[in-house]
Amino acid sequence: MRLEGHLIRNIYFYKDNEGNTIWQDTYEYGVLKDEWELNSKNH
């Protein structure tokens, strides 16, 4: 599994007590199809 992307301040769900948005980063990961198939055969 590889880190494909790091989206900075991408999403928010909550606000703090003063009404400021609490931003969160998002990380995106990827797996190549042949690596996935090879790994799934071993489990």
PDB file of N, CA and C in Angstrom:
ATOM      1  N   MET A   1       0.851  -1.166   0.000  1.00  0.00           N
ATOM      2  CA  MET A   1       0.000   0.000   0.000  1.00  0.00           C
ATOM      3  C   MET A   1       0.903   1.238   0.000  1.00  0.00           C
ATOM      4  N   ARG A   2       0.528   2.183  -0.837  1.00  0.00           N
ATOM      5  CA  ARG A   2       1.322   3.399  -0.967  1.00  0.00           C
ATOM      6  C   ARG A   2       0.499   4.637  -0.668  1.00  0.00           C
ATOM      7  N   LEU A   3       1.158   5.603  -0.085  1.00  0.00           N
ATOM      8  CA  LEU A   3       0.537   6.903   0.101  1.00  0.00           C
ATOM      9  C   LEU A   3       0.525   7.607  -1.250  1.00  0.00           C
ATOM     10  N   GLU A   4      -0.648   7.900  -1.767  1.00  0.00           N
ATOM     11  CA  GLU A   4      -0.796   8.532  -3.077  1.00  0.00           C
ATOM     12  C   GLU A   4      -1.044  10.025  -2.971  1.00  0.00           C
ATOM     13  N   GLY A   5      -1.634  10.453  -1.865  1.00  0.00           N
ATOM     14  CA  GLY A   5      -1.928  11.870  -1.745  1.00  0.00           C
ATOM     15  C   GLY A   5      -2.136  12.302  -0.310  1.00  0.00           C
ATOM     16  N   HIS A   6      -1.831  13.568  -0.052  1.00  0.00           N
ATOM     17  CA  HIS A   6      -2.062  14.169   1.258  1.00  0.00           C
ATOM     18  C   HIS A   6      -2.800  15.482   0.999  1.00  0.00           C
ATOM     19  N   LEU A   7      -4.084  15.484   1.268  1.00  0.00           N
ATOM     20  CA  LEU A   7      -4.910  16.665   1.057  1.00  0.00           C
ATOM     21  C   LEU A   7      -4.973  17.441   2.361  1.00  0.00           C
ATOM     22  N   ILE A   8      -4.411  18.627   2.353  1.00  0.00           N
ATOM     23  CA  ILE A   8      -4.285  19.434   3.567  1.00  0.00           C
ATOM     24  C   ILE A   8      -5.536  20.283   3.763  1.00  0.00           C
ATOM     25  N   ARG A   9      -6.058  20.232   4.984  1.00  0.00           N
ATOM     26  CA  ARG A   9      -7.282  20.965   5.350  1.00  0.00           C
ATOM     27  C   ARG A   9      -8.383  20.699   4.328  1.00  0.00           C
ATOM     28  N   ASN A  10      -8.647  19.441   4.107  1.00  0.00           N
ATOM     29  CA  ASN A  10      -9.560  19.008   3.074  1.00  0.00           C
ATOM     30  C   ASN A  10     -11.020  18.969   3.521  1.00  0.00           C
ATOM     31  N   ILE A  11     -11.269  18.667   4.772  1.00  0.00           N
ATOM     32  CA  ILE A  11     -12.640  18.406   5.202  1.00  0.00           C
ATOM     33  C   ILE A  11     -12.824  18.836   6.656  1.00  0.00           C
ATOM     34  N   TYR A  12     -14.047  19.167   6.992  1.00  0.00           N
ATOM     35  CA  TYR A  12     -14.346  19.460   8.397  1.00  0.00           C
ATOM     36  C   TYR A  12     -15.707  18.889   8.754  1.00  0.00           C
ATOM     37  N   PHE A  13     -15.851  18.514  10.024  1.00  0.00           N
ATOM     38  CA  PHE A  13     -17.108  17.973  10.534  1.00  0.00           C
ATOM     39  C   PHE A  13     -17.621  18.768  11.720  1.00  0.00           C
ATOM     40  N   TYR A  14     -16.709  19.441  12.404  1.00  0.00           N
ATOM     41  CA  TYR A  14     -17.063  20.103  13.656  1.00  0.00           C
ATOM     42  C   TYR A  14     -16.537  21.523  13.691  1.00  0.00           C
ATOM     43  N   LYS A  15     -17.085  22.273  14.627  1.00  0.00           N
ATOM     44  CA  LYS A  15     -16.581  23.613  14.928  1.00  0.00           C
ATOM     45  C   LYS A  15     -16.276  23.673  16.415  1.00  0.00           C
ATOM     46  N   ASP A  16     -15.312  24.527  16.774  1.00  0.00           N
ATOM     47  CA  ASP A  16     -14.966  24.662  18.187  1.00  0.00           C
ATOM     48  C   ASP A  16     -15.999  25.540  18.893  1.00  0.00           C
ATOM     49  N   ASN A  17     -15.772  25.791  20.163  1.00  0.00           N
ATOM     50  CA  ASN A  17     -16.728  26.556  20.970  1.00  0.00           C
ATOM     51  C   ASN A  17     -16.930  27.978  20.480  1.00  0.00           C
ATOM     52  N   GLU A  18     -15.960  28.505  19.735  1.00  0.00           N
ATOM     53  CA  GLU A  18     -16.055  29.870  19.211  1.00  0.00           C
ATOM     54  C   GLU A  18     -16.610  29.915  17.795  1.00  0.00           C
ATOM     55  N   GLY A  19     -16.978  28.757  17.252  1.00  0.00           N
ATOM     56  CA  GLY A  19     -17.547  28.693  15.913  1.00  0.00           C
ATOM     57  C   GLY A  19     -16.528  28.581  14.794  1.00  0.00           C
ATOM     58  N   ASN A  20     -15.250  28.406  15.154  1.00  0.00           N
ATOM     59  CA  ASN A  20     -14.204  28.235  14.141  1.00  0.00           C
ATOM     60  C   ASN A  20     -14.229  26.815  13.597  1.00  0.00           C
ATOM     61  N   THR A  21     -14.065  26.703  12.313  1.00  0.00           N
ATOM     62  CA  THR A  21     -14.044  25.387  11.675  1.00  0.00           C
ATOM     63  C   THR A  21     -12.804  24.614  12.094  1.00  0.00           C
ATOM     64  N   ILE A  22     -12.971  23.328  12.410  1.00  0.00           N
ATOM     65  CA  ILE A  22     -11.855  22.447  12.741  1.00  0.00           C
ATOM     66  C   ILE A  22     -11.575  21.607  11.492  1.00  0.00           C
ATOM     67  N   TRP A  23     -10.550  21.988  10.770  1.00  0.00           N
ATOM     68  CA  TRP A  23     -10.193  21.304   9.530  1.00  0.00           C
ATOM     69  C   TRP A  23      -9.396  20.043   9.824  1.00  0.00           C
ATOM     70  N   GLN A  24      -9.521  19.061   8.929  1.00  0.00           N
ATOM     71  CA  GLN A  24      -8.756  17.822   9.040  1.00  0.00           C
ATOM     72  C   GLN A  24      -8.113  17.504   7.698  1.00  0.00           C
ATOM     73  N   ASP A  25      -6.926  16.912   7.763  1.00  0.00           N
ATOM     74  CA  ASP A  25      -6.243  16.459   6.552  1.00  0.00           C
ATOM     75  C   ASP A  25      -6.803  15.097   6.136  1.00  0.00           C
ATOM     76  N   THR A  26      -6.650  14.779   4.867  1.00  0.00           N
ATOM     77  CA  THR A  26      -7.073  13.490   4.326  1.00  0.00           C
ATOM     78  C   THR A  26      -5.873  12.841   3.647  1.00  0.00           C
ATOM     79  N   TYR A  27      -5.686  11.556   3.895  1.00  0.00           N
ATOM     80  CA  TYR A  27      -4.627  10.791   3.240  1.00  0.00           C
ATOM     81  C   TYR A  27      -5.269   9.782   2.306  1.00  0.00           C
ATOM     82  N   GLU A  28      -4.711   9.659   1.107  1.00  0.00           N
ATOM     83  CA  GLU A  28      -5.225   8.701   0.126  1.00  0.00           C
ATOM     84  C   GLU A  28      -4.148   7.657  -0.146  1.00  0.00           C
ATOM     85  N   TYR A  29      -4.557   6.396  -0.097  1.00  0.00           N
ATOM     86  CA  TYR A  29      -3.642   5.287  -0.312  1.00  0.00           C
ATOM     87  C   TYR A  29      -4.088   4.472  -1.514  1.00  0.00           C
ATOM     88  N   GLY A  30      -3.146   3.798  -2.150  1.00  0.00           N
ATOM     89  CA  GLY A  30      -3.473   2.979  -3.308  1.00  0.00           C
ATOM     90  C   GLY A  30      -2.706   1.672  -3.292  1.00  0.00           C
ATOM     91  N   VAL A  31      -3.299   0.671  -3.935  1.00  0.00           N
ATOM     92  CA  VAL A  31      -2.671  -0.636  -4.104  1.00  0.00           C
ATOM     93  C   VAL A  31      -2.840  -1.029  -5.562  1.00  0.00           C
ATOM     94  N   LEU A  32      -1.760  -1.485  -6.186  1.00  0.00           N
ATOM     95  CA  LEU A  32      -1.850  -1.949  -7.563  1.00  0.00           C
ATOM     96  C   LEU A  32      -2.621  -3.265  -7.622  1.00  0.00           C
ATOM     97  N   LYS A  33      -3.352  -3.470  -8.699  1.00  0.00           N
ATOM     98  CA  LYS A  33      -4.204  -4.656  -8.830  1.00  0.00           C
ATOM     99  C   LYS A  33      -3.404  -5.951  -8.676  1.00  0.00           C
ATOM    100  N   ASP A  34      -2.245  -6.039  -9.326  1.00  0.00           N
ATOM    101  CA  ASP A  34      -1.473  -7.284  -9.239  1.00  0.00           C
ATOM    102  C   ASP A  34      -0.935  -7.516  -7.822  1.00  0.00           C
ATOM    103  N   GLU A  35      -0.591  -6.459  -7.101  1.00  0.00           N
ATOM    104  CA  GLU A  35      -0.162  -6.613  -5.718  1.00  0.00           C
ATOM    105  C   GLU A  35      -1.320  -7.070  -4.836  1.00  0.00           C
ATOM    106  N   TRP A  36      -2.504  -6.517  -5.075  1.00  0.00           N
ATOM    107  CA  TRP A  36      -3.695  -6.905  -4.314  1.00  0.00           C
ATOM    108  C   TRP A  36      -4.004  -8.390  -4.544  1.00  0.00           C
ATOM    109  N   GLU A  37      -3.974  -8.812  -5.796  1.00  0.00           N
ATOM    110  CA  GLU A  37      -4.295 -10.207  -6.117  1.00  0.00           C
ATOM    111  C   GLU A  37      -3.267 -11.153  -5.529  1.00  0.00           C
ATOM    112  N   LEU A  38      -1.985 -10.782  -5.589  1.00  0.00           N
ATOM    113  CA  LEU A  38      -0.927 -11.623  -5.023  1.00  0.00           C
ATOM    114  C   LEU A  38      -1.090 -11.750  -3.512  1.00  0.00           C
ATOM    115  N   ASN A  39      -1.396 -10.640  -2.857  1.00  0.00           N
ATOM    116  CA  ASN A  39      -1.575 -10.638  -1.406  1.00  0.00           C
ATOM    117  C   ASN A  39      -2.827 -11.414  -0.991  1.00  0.00           C
ATOM    118  N   SER A  40      -3.893 -11.308  -1.750  1.00  0.00           N
ATOM    119  CA  SER A  40      -5.136 -11.989  -1.385  1.00  0.00           C
ATOM    120  C   SER A  40      -5.029 -13.506  -1.536  1.00  0.00           C
ATOM    121  N   LYS A  41      -4.147 -13.971  -2.411  1.00  0.00           N
ATOM    122  CA  LYS A  41      -3.932 -15.421  -2.580  1.00  0.00           C
ATOM    123  C   LYS A  41      -3.170 -15.999  -1.395  1.00  0.00           C
ATOM    124  N   ASN A  42      -2.379 -15.164  -0.724  1.00  0.00           N
ATOM    125  CA  ASN A  42      -1.566 -15.628   0.397  1.00  0.00           C
ATOM    126  C   ASN A  42      -2.332 -15.657   1.719  1.00  0.00           C
ATOM    127  N   HIS A  43      -3.557 -15.171   1.738  1.00  0.00           N
ATOM    128  CA  HIS A  43      -4.325 -15.139   3.000  1.00  0.00           C
ATOM    129  C   HIS A  43      -5.545 -15.987   2.922  1.00  0.00           C
TER     130      HIS A  43
END
